[in-house]
């Protein structure tokens, strides 16, 4: 029995000693900052990570196909709309165009000859008509025979038929001119399509073929992006996306230049969340363009969703997250007490709360201080 009493006394002494060491020696060596909550406004923001994408990518193709003879643009080059960027082999198109030009000249000459023939035939028809009318008057006066009148009538009808045929010949010749000109225009268009022209002012972001390579009709050779079409496609946790609206302002940085802050506007919010990652895609249109950029570059995005006015503000480091909710360590009667609060929003190193007033001292732990527990004594030193 005596042995148990001695053991109990030793344990009691050790416990009292540990308590004294923890409260009198260990804790006082750790300095906790005491802060006083303030009142102010807090801009609320939603954070997300995304990538730089283009609304539309323009593909430069060779409609006629063939061998790629030259390419004057490379990756990263700035190009202008209509600027020649390359050329495919026209094969026999130049000689066919020369033949088509000669065919147009020939058709023009045939049409001119048909027009002059029609003019001459119309004159002969007019003369035959006058001759027929003259014999018709003479026949009424018995000054001409019936045979003479019939011959004049026959000559007149033949002349009318010849005039009709000359007019049809002229129409056919004019159609021939139109066909020849259309053939020439078609060949010239085909030749023009062997020249690769930039469809837009932009930057070359991809090269899909090299000089000397045979390309198929409509095969992509270069891809061009208009910088004004750049956008950020960011993923936002669906728990935060409920506060987002189209038209809200956003700040963002690119990974290549984290110190350069860009501005944008939310232009689209995906109505469907990813069932695996539980995130929504949000599209942000850039209002300020970066001087240099790369497609698919990572971007960090902060979207402003509103402003909390006249809120109680404390350092975000003071927040304590537990299963039962959020709280802060407060100093009351020289001891630490976990005070439950409602978190309204966080931005940077500041948090907006409700459920606490500006007269309550709040303890600010750091990574170098001992963990706090309910009722731990805190000694305030001036």
Protein backbone atom coordinates (compact mmCIF):
# COMPACT_ATOMS: atom_id res chain seq x y z
CA UNK A 1 0.00 0.00 0.00
CA UNK A 2 2.78 2.33 0.90
CA UNK A 3 4.39 1.65 -2.50
CA UNK A 4 1.20 2.79 -4.32
CA UNK A 5 1.02 5.95 -2.26
CA UNK A 6 4.60 6.76 -3.15
CA UNK A 7 3.89 6.09 -6.85
CA UNK A 8 0.79 8.30 -6.75
CA UNK A 9 2.74 11.07 -5.05
CA UNK A 10 5.45 10.87 -7.70
CA UNK A 11 2.90 11.00 -10.53
CA UNK A 12 1.12 13.94 -8.90
CA UNK A 13 4.41 15.75 -8.46
CA UNK A 14 5.36 15.09 -12.08
CA UNK A 15 1.97 16.30 -13.32
CA UNK A 16 2.16 19.47 -11.25
CA UNK A 17 5.70 19.99 -12.48
CA UNK A 18 4.67 19.50 -16.14
CA UNK A 19 1.77 21.90 -15.71
CA UNK A 20 4.00 24.48 -14.10
CA UNK A 21 6.64 24.01 -16.82
CA UNK A 22 4.07 24.36 -19.62
CA UNK A 23 2.26 27.35 -18.16
CA UNK A 24 5.10 29.14 -16.38
CA UNK A 25 8.10 28.38 -18.55
CA UNK A 26 7.09 26.97 -21.97
CA UNK A 27 4.17 29.21 -22.95
CA UNK A 28 5.71 32.51 -21.78
CA UNK A 29 8.65 31.87 -24.07
CA UNK A 30 6.28 31.99 -27.07
CA UNK A 31 5.10 35.39 -28.12
CA UNK A 32 1.59 35.73 -29.52
CA UNK A 33 0.54 38.88 -31.30
CA UNK A 34 -2.68 40.38 -30.05
CA UNK A 35 -4.71 42.19 -32.70
CA UNK A 36 -7.89 44.19 -32.47
CA UNK A 37 -10.58 43.62 -35.13
CA UNK A 38 -11.25 46.63 -37.30
CA UNK A 39 -14.19 47.78 -39.38
CA UNK A 40 -13.91 48.37 -43.11
CA UNK A 41 -14.75 47.24 -46.62
CA UNK A 42 -13.51 44.02 -48.20
CA UNK A 43 -13.62 43.31 -51.91
CA UNK A 44 -14.61 39.70 -52.45
CA UNK A 45 -12.80 37.70 -55.09
CA UNK A 46 -12.98 34.19 -56.48
CA UNK A 47 -9.69 32.54 -57.41
CA UNK A 48 -9.11 30.12 -60.24
CA UNK A 49 -6.40 28.70 -62.47
CA UNK A 50 -6.79 28.60 -66.24
CA UNK A 51 -5.01 28.72 -69.55
CA UNK A 52 -4.64 31.26 -72.33
CA UNK A 53 -6.71 30.16 -75.32
CA UNK A 54 -7.92 31.72 -78.58
CA UNK A 55 -11.58 32.16 -79.45
CA UNK A 56 -10.79 31.31 -83.06
CA UNK A 57 -7.75 29.87 -84.81
CA UNK A 58 -7.42 30.66 -88.52
CA UNK A 59 -6.02 27.87 -90.68
CA UNK A 60 -4.07 28.80 -93.81
CA UNK A 61 -4.63 26.07 -96.41
CA UNK A 62 -3.72 25.32 -100.03
CA UNK A 63 -7.08 24.92 -101.83
CA UNK A 64 -5.43 23.45 -104.94
CA UNK A 65 -2.86 21.30 -103.13
CA UNK A 66 0.51 20.54 -104.75
CA UNK A 67 4.12 21.05 -103.78
CA UNK A 68 4.88 23.84 -101.31
CA UNK A 69 7.43 26.00 -103.15
CA UNK A 70 8.08 28.65 -100.50
CA UNK A 71 7.01 29.79 -97.04
CA UNK A 72 7.82 33.32 -95.89
CA UNK A 73 6.34 33.20 -92.37
CA UNK A 74 7.60 31.33 -89.30
CA UNK A 75 6.31 30.59 -85.83
CA UNK A 76 5.77 33.75 -83.83
CA UNK A 77 5.78 36.10 -86.83
CA UNK A 78 3.25 38.92 -86.89
CA UNK A 79 1.37 38.99 -90.20
CA UNK A 80 -1.12 41.34 -91.86
CA UNK A 81 -4.38 40.47 -93.55
CA UNK A 82 -3.74 39.73 -97.24
CA UNK A 83 0.03 39.38 -96.75
CA UNK A 84 1.57 36.63 -98.99
CA UNK A 85 2.94 33.91 -96.73
CA UNK A 86 3.76 31.14 -99.20
CA UNK A 87 3.31 29.62 -102.66
CA UNK A 88 2.42 26.19 -104.01
CA UNK A 89 3.51 24.86 -107.41
CA UNK A 90 1.15 26.21 -110.14
CA UNK A 91 2.28 23.40 -112.53
CA UNK A 92 0.91 24.29 -116.04
CA UNK A 93 -1.46 27.06 -114.97
CA UNK A 94 0.64 29.94 -116.39
CA UNK A 95 0.74 28.41 -119.90
CA UNK A 96 -2.96 27.57 -119.73
CA UNK A 97 -3.69 31.17 -118.77
CA UNK A 98 -1.74 32.43 -121.80
CA UNK A 99 -3.75 30.07 -124.04
CA UNK A 100 -6.97 31.27 -122.43
CA UNK A 101 -6.02 34.90 -123.09
CA UNK A 102 -5.49 34.06 -126.76
CA UNK A 103 -8.86 32.31 -126.80
CA UNK A 104 -10.47 35.45 -125.41
CA UNK A 105 -8.86 37.53 -128.17
CA UNK A 106 -10.07 35.05 -130.79
CA UNK A 107 -13.60 35.12 -129.39
CA UNK A 108 -13.57 38.92 -129.40
CA UNK A 109 -12.57 38.92 -133.07
CA UNK A 110 -15.28 36.38 -133.98
CA UNK A 111 -17.84 38.46 -132.13
CA UNK A 112 -16.67 41.60 -133.91
CA UNK A 113 -16.94 39.84 -137.29
CA UNK A 114 -20.41 38.56 -136.44
CA UNK A 115 -21.46 42.05 -135.40
CA UNK A 116 -20.25 43.53 -138.69
CA UNK A 117 -21.91 40.71 -140.67
CA UNK A 118 -25.18 41.43 -138.89
CA UNK A 119 -24.88 45.13 -139.75
CA UNK A 120 -24.30 44.28 -143.41
CA UNK A 121 -27.14 41.77 -143.49
CA UNK A 122 -29.54 44.25 -141.89
CA UNK A 123 -28.63 46.67 -144.66
CA UNK A 124 -29.33 43.99 -147.31
CA UNK A 125 -32.63 43.17 -145.64
CA UNK A 126 -33.62 46.82 -145.70
CA UNK A 127 -32.75 47.04 -149.40
CA UNK A 128 -34.67 43.82 -150.19
CA UNK A 129 -37.70 45.18 -148.37
CA UNK A 130 -37.62 48.41 -150.37
CA UNK A 131 -37.26 46.44 -153.60
CA UNK A 132 -40.24 44.26 -152.68
CA UNK A 133 -42.40 47.29 -151.85
CA UNK A 134 -41.42 48.92 -155.18
CA UNK A 135 -42.44 45.86 -157.21
CA UNK A 136 -45.63 45.67 -155.19
CA UNK A 137 -46.58 49.21 -156.28
CA UNK A 138 -45.57 48.51 -159.88
CA UNK A 139 -47.68 45.36 -159.92
CA UNK A 140 -50.73 47.33 -158.83
CA UNK A 141 -50.17 49.59 -161.84
CA UNK A 142 -49.49 46.58 -164.11
CA UNK A 143 -45.97 47.97 -164.66
CA UNK A 144 -44.34 44.74 -163.41
CA UNK A 145 -45.13 41.11 -163.88
CA UNK A 146 -46.25 38.72 -161.17
CA UNK A 147 -43.04 36.76 -161.59
CA UNK A 148 -41.00 39.87 -160.80
CA UNK A 149 -43.09 40.52 -157.66
CA UNK A 150 -42.74 36.91 -156.50
CA UNK A 151 -38.97 37.05 -156.97
CA UNK A 152 -38.73 40.29 -154.99
CA UNK A 153 -40.85 38.75 -152.22
CA UNK A 154 -38.68 35.64 -152.17
CA UNK A 155 -35.50 37.72 -152.00
CA UNK A 156 -36.96 39.73 -149.12
CA UNK A 157 -37.89 36.59 -147.11
CA UNK A 158 -34.44 35.12 -147.72
CA UNK A 159 -32.86 38.33 -146.51
CA UNK A 160 -34.99 38.30 -143.35
CA UNK A 161 -33.89 34.71 -142.67
CA UNK A 162 -30.26 35.59 -143.25
CA UNK A 163 -30.54 38.54 -140.88
CA UNK A 164 -32.06 36.24 -138.22
CA UNK A 165 -29.19 33.79 -138.73
CA UNK A 166 -26.62 36.60 -138.49
CA UNK A 167 -28.20 37.78 -135.24
CA UNK A 168 -28.02 34.24 -133.81
CA UNK A 169 -24.42 33.98 -134.97
CA UNK A 170 -23.65 37.20 -133.09
CA UNK A 171 -25.33 35.88 -129.92
CA UNK A 172 -23.31 32.66 -130.20
CA UNK A 173 -20.10 34.65 -130.69
CA UNK A 174 -20.87 36.80 -127.62
CA UNK A 175 -21.55 33.64 -125.61
CA UNK A 176 -18.20 32.36 -126.80
CA UNK A 177 -16.56 35.53 -125.53
CA UNK A 178 -18.26 35.10 -122.14
CA UNK A 179 -17.17 31.46 -121.94
CA UNK A 180 -13.59 32.32 -122.87
CA UNK A 181 -13.45 35.11 -120.31
CA UNK A 182 -14.96 32.82 -117.63
CA UNK A 183 -12.37 30.15 -118.41
CA UNK A 184 -9.61 32.73 -118.14
CA UNK A 185 -10.99 34.06 -114.84
CA UNK A 186 -11.23 30.52 -113.48
CA UNK A 187 -7.62 29.77 -114.36
CA UNK A 188 -6.48 33.08 -112.87
CA UNK A 189 -8.41 32.29 -109.69
CA UNK A 190 -6.75 28.89 -109.49
CA UNK A 191 -3.36 30.54 -109.97
CA UNK A 192 -4.20 33.09 -107.28
CA UNK A 193 -5.14 30.26 -104.91
CA UNK A 194 -1.62 28.89 -105.17
CA UNK A 195 -0.55 32.04 -103.30
CA UNK A 196 -1.07 31.66 -99.55
CA UNK A 197 -2.46 34.92 -98.13
CA UNK A 198 -3.01 35.69 -94.47
CA UNK A 199 -6.74 35.75 -93.69
CA UNK A 200 -6.36 38.10 -90.72
CA UNK A 201 -4.00 40.36 -88.80
CA UNK A 202 -2.42 38.09 -86.25
CA UNK A 203 0.44 35.89 -85.11
CA UNK A 204 1.57 32.55 -86.55
CA UNK A 205 1.15 29.96 -83.78
CA UNK A 206 1.66 26.68 -85.66
CA UNK A 207 3.38 25.38 -88.80
CA UNK A 208 2.03 22.11 -90.23
CA UNK A 209 4.09 21.79 -93.46
CA UNK A 210 7.58 22.53 -94.78
CA UNK A 211 8.93 23.78 -98.10
CA UNK A 212 9.16 20.99 -100.68
CA UNK A 213 6.40 18.97 -99.07
CA UNK A 214 3.39 17.84 -101.12
CA UNK A 215 0.22 19.11 -99.50
CA UNK A 216 -3.31 17.93 -100.09
CA UNK A 217 -6.15 20.31 -101.04
CA UNK A 218 -7.32 22.23 -97.94
CA UNK A 219 -4.53 20.78 -95.79
CA UNK A 220 -3.50 23.19 -93.02
CA UNK A 221 -0.08 24.74 -93.55
CA UNK A 222 -0.07 27.57 -90.97
CA UNK A 223 -2.31 28.47 -88.06
CA UNK A 224 -2.82 32.13 -87.18
CA UNK A 225 -4.38 33.70 -84.10
CA UNK A 226 -5.74 37.23 -83.84
CA UNK A 227 -4.48 38.61 -80.47
CA UNK A 228 -7.80 40.38 -79.94
CA UNK A 229 -9.44 36.92 -79.80
CA UNK A 230 -7.36 35.79 -76.81
CA UNK A 231 -9.23 34.66 -73.71
CA UNK A 232 -8.62 32.87 -70.42
CA UNK A 233 -10.50 29.65 -69.76
CA UNK A 234 -10.32 29.17 -65.99
CA UNK A 235 -11.67 26.45 -63.72
CA UNK A 236 -13.49 27.61 -60.60
CA UNK A 237 -14.56 25.40 -57.71
CA UNK A 238 -18.33 25.05 -57.98
CA UNK A 239 -18.64 26.04 -54.30
CA UNK A 240 -17.39 29.51 -55.29
CA UNK A 241 -18.98 29.76 -58.72
CA UNK A 242 -22.43 30.58 -57.34
CA UNK A 243 -21.36 34.20 -56.79
CA UNK A 244 -20.10 34.66 -60.36
CA UNK A 245 -21.94 36.64 -63.03
CA UNK A 246 -21.17 37.52 -66.63
CA UNK A 247 -19.68 41.00 -66.90
CA UNK A 248 -17.76 40.94 -63.61
CA UNK A 249 -14.23 42.31 -63.60
CA UNK A 250 -11.22 40.05 -63.28
CA UNK A 251 -7.51 40.40 -62.59
CA UNK A 252 -5.06 37.85 -63.90
CA UNK A 253 -1.39 37.05 -64.32
CA UNK A 254 0.40 34.78 -66.78
CA UNK A 255 2.98 32.31 -65.60
CA UNK A 256 5.66 33.85 -67.84
CA UNK A 257 5.16 37.29 -66.22
CA UNK A 258 3.70 36.85 -62.73
CA UNK A 259 4.49 40.47 -61.84
CA UNK A 260 2.41 41.90 -64.75
CA UNK A 261 -1.25 42.26 -63.79
CA UNK A 262 -3.76 42.11 -66.67
CA UNK A 263 -7.46 42.98 -66.68
CA UNK A 264 -10.41 41.11 -68.09
CA UNK A 265 -14.16 40.58 -67.96
CA UNK A 266 -16.15 37.41 -67.42
CA UNK A 267 -17.77 36.69 -70.79
CA UNK A 268 -19.18 33.19 -70.26
CA UNK A 269 -19.88 30.79 -67.41
CA UNK A 270 -20.23 27.12 -68.30
CA UNK A 271 -23.70 25.97 -67.18
CA UNK A 272 -22.40 22.44 -66.53
CA UNK A 273 -19.81 21.48 -63.90
CA UNK A 274 -17.32 18.67 -64.30
CA UNK A 275 -18.74 15.69 -62.36
CA UNK A 276 -15.24 14.47 -61.45
CA UNK A 277 -13.34 17.64 -60.48
CA UNK A 278 -16.49 19.50 -59.32
CA UNK A 279 -15.34 22.62 -61.15
CA UNK A 280 -16.90 24.99 -63.67
CA UNK A 281 -15.23 26.57 -66.65
CA UNK A 282 -15.32 30.37 -66.77
CA UNK A 283 -14.28 32.31 -69.87
CA UNK A 284 -12.60 35.68 -69.37
CA UNK A 285 -12.12 38.14 -72.22
CA UNK A 286 -8.95 40.18 -71.93
CA UNK A 287 -9.29 43.96 -71.86
CA UNK A 288 -5.53 44.49 -71.68
CA UNK A 289 -3.37 42.32 -73.93
CA UNK A 290 0.07 41.05 -72.91
CA UNK A 291 3.03 42.22 -74.96
CA UNK A 292 4.17 38.62 -75.39
CA UNK A 293 2.06 35.52 -74.94
CA UNK A 294 1.92 31.80 -75.62
CA UNK A 295 -1.17 29.73 -76.28
CA UNK A 296 -2.11 27.33 -73.48
CA UNK A 297 0.04 29.29 -71.01
CA UNK A 298 -1.07 28.95 -67.39
CA UNK A 299 -2.85 31.91 -65.82
CA UNK A 300 -4.01 32.78 -62.32
CA UNK A 301 -7.33 34.57 -62.13
CA UNK A 302 -9.04 36.64 -59.46
CA UNK A 303 -12.65 37.55 -60.21
CA UNK A 304 -14.26 40.30 -58.16
CA UNK A 305 -17.76 39.28 -57.05
CA UNK A 306 -18.74 42.17 -54.77
CA UNK A 307 -17.76 44.28 -51.76
CA UNK A 308 -18.53 43.64 -48.11
CA UNK A 309 -19.12 47.04 -46.53
CA UNK A 310 -18.65 47.91 -42.84
CA UNK A 311 -17.50 44.37 -42.07
CA UNK A 312 -15.39 43.25 -39.10
CA UNK A 313 -11.89 42.60 -40.45
CA UNK A 314 -9.14 40.44 -38.92
CA UNK A 315 -5.94 38.89 -40.30
CA UNK A 316 -6.73 35.70 -42.19
CA UNK A 317 -4.06 33.90 -40.09
CA UNK A 318 -6.25 34.19 -37.02
CA UNK A 319 -8.89 31.85 -38.46
CA UNK A 320 -9.19 28.40 -36.98
CA UNK A 321 -10.96 25.77 -39.05
CA UNK A 322 -12.56 22.89 -37.20
CA UNK A 323 -15.22 20.35 -37.97
CA UNK A 324 -17.86 22.30 -36.06
CA UNK A 325 -17.06 25.53 -37.92
CA UNK A 326 -14.75 28.54 -38.07
CA UNK A 327 -13.46 30.39 -35.02
CA UNK A 328 -10.77 32.72 -33.71
CA UNK A 329 -8.75 32.59 -30.52
CA UNK A 330 -9.72 35.50 -28.29
CA UNK A 331 -8.13 36.77 -25.09
CA UNK A 332 -10.49 37.02 -22.14
CA UNK A 333 -9.43 37.29 -18.49
CA UNK A 334 -5.86 36.47 -19.47
CA UNK A 335 -6.80 33.17 -21.08
CA UNK A 336 -7.30 31.91 -24.63
CA UNK A 337 -10.84 31.03 -25.68
CA UNK A 338 -11.97 29.74 -29.06
CA UNK A 339 -14.72 32.07 -30.20
CA UNK A 340 -17.02 30.82 -33.03
CA UNK A 341 -17.55 33.28 -35.88
CA UNK A 342 -19.15 33.35 -39.31
CA UNK A 343 -16.72 33.80 -42.19
CA UNK A 344 -18.11 36.27 -44.74
CA UNK A 345 -15.16 36.43 -47.10
CA UNK A 346 -11.38 36.41 -47.50
CA UNK A 347 -9.12 38.44 -49.73
CA UNK A 348 -5.39 38.19 -49.43
CA UNK A 349 -4.39 38.37 -45.77
CA UNK A 350 -7.68 39.84 -44.52
CA UNK A 351 -10.90 38.08 -43.53
CA UNK A 352 -14.36 39.54 -42.96
CA UNK A 353 -16.31 38.08 -40.02
CA UNK A 354 -19.55 38.41 -38.13
CA UNK A 355 -20.22 37.27 -34.57
CA UNK A 356 -17.44 39.33 -32.99
CA UNK A 357 -17.03 42.99 -32.14
CA UNK A 358 -14.14 45.41 -32.49
CA UNK A 359 -13.47 45.43 -28.71
CA UNK A 360 -12.48 41.75 -28.53
CA UNK A 361 -8.70 41.08 -28.56
CA UNK A 362 -7.83 38.35 -31.02
CA UNK A 363 -4.74 36.14 -30.69
CA UNK A 364 -2.61 35.76 -33.81
CA UNK A 365 -0.67 32.46 -33.67
CA UNK A 366 2.29 31.83 -35.93
CA UNK A 367 4.16 28.76 -37.06
CA UNK A 368 6.77 29.41 -34.35
CA UNK A 369 4.36 29.56 -31.40
CA UNK A 370 2.99 26.74 -29.32
CA UNK A 371 -0.47 25.44 -30.21
CA UNK A 372 -3.28 27.02 -28.25
CA UNK A 373 -5.86 25.19 -26.21
CA UNK A 374 -9.02 26.28 -24.46
CA UNK A 375 -8.23 28.12 -21.25
CA UNK A 376 -4.48 28.44 -21.79
CA UNK A 377 -3.10 31.38 -19.87
CA UNK A 378 -1.67 34.19 -21.99
CA UNK A 379 0.58 36.75 -20.33
CA UNK A 380 0.38 40.17 -21.93
CA UNK A 381 3.62 42.09 -21.80
CA UNK A 382 3.87 45.78 -22.47
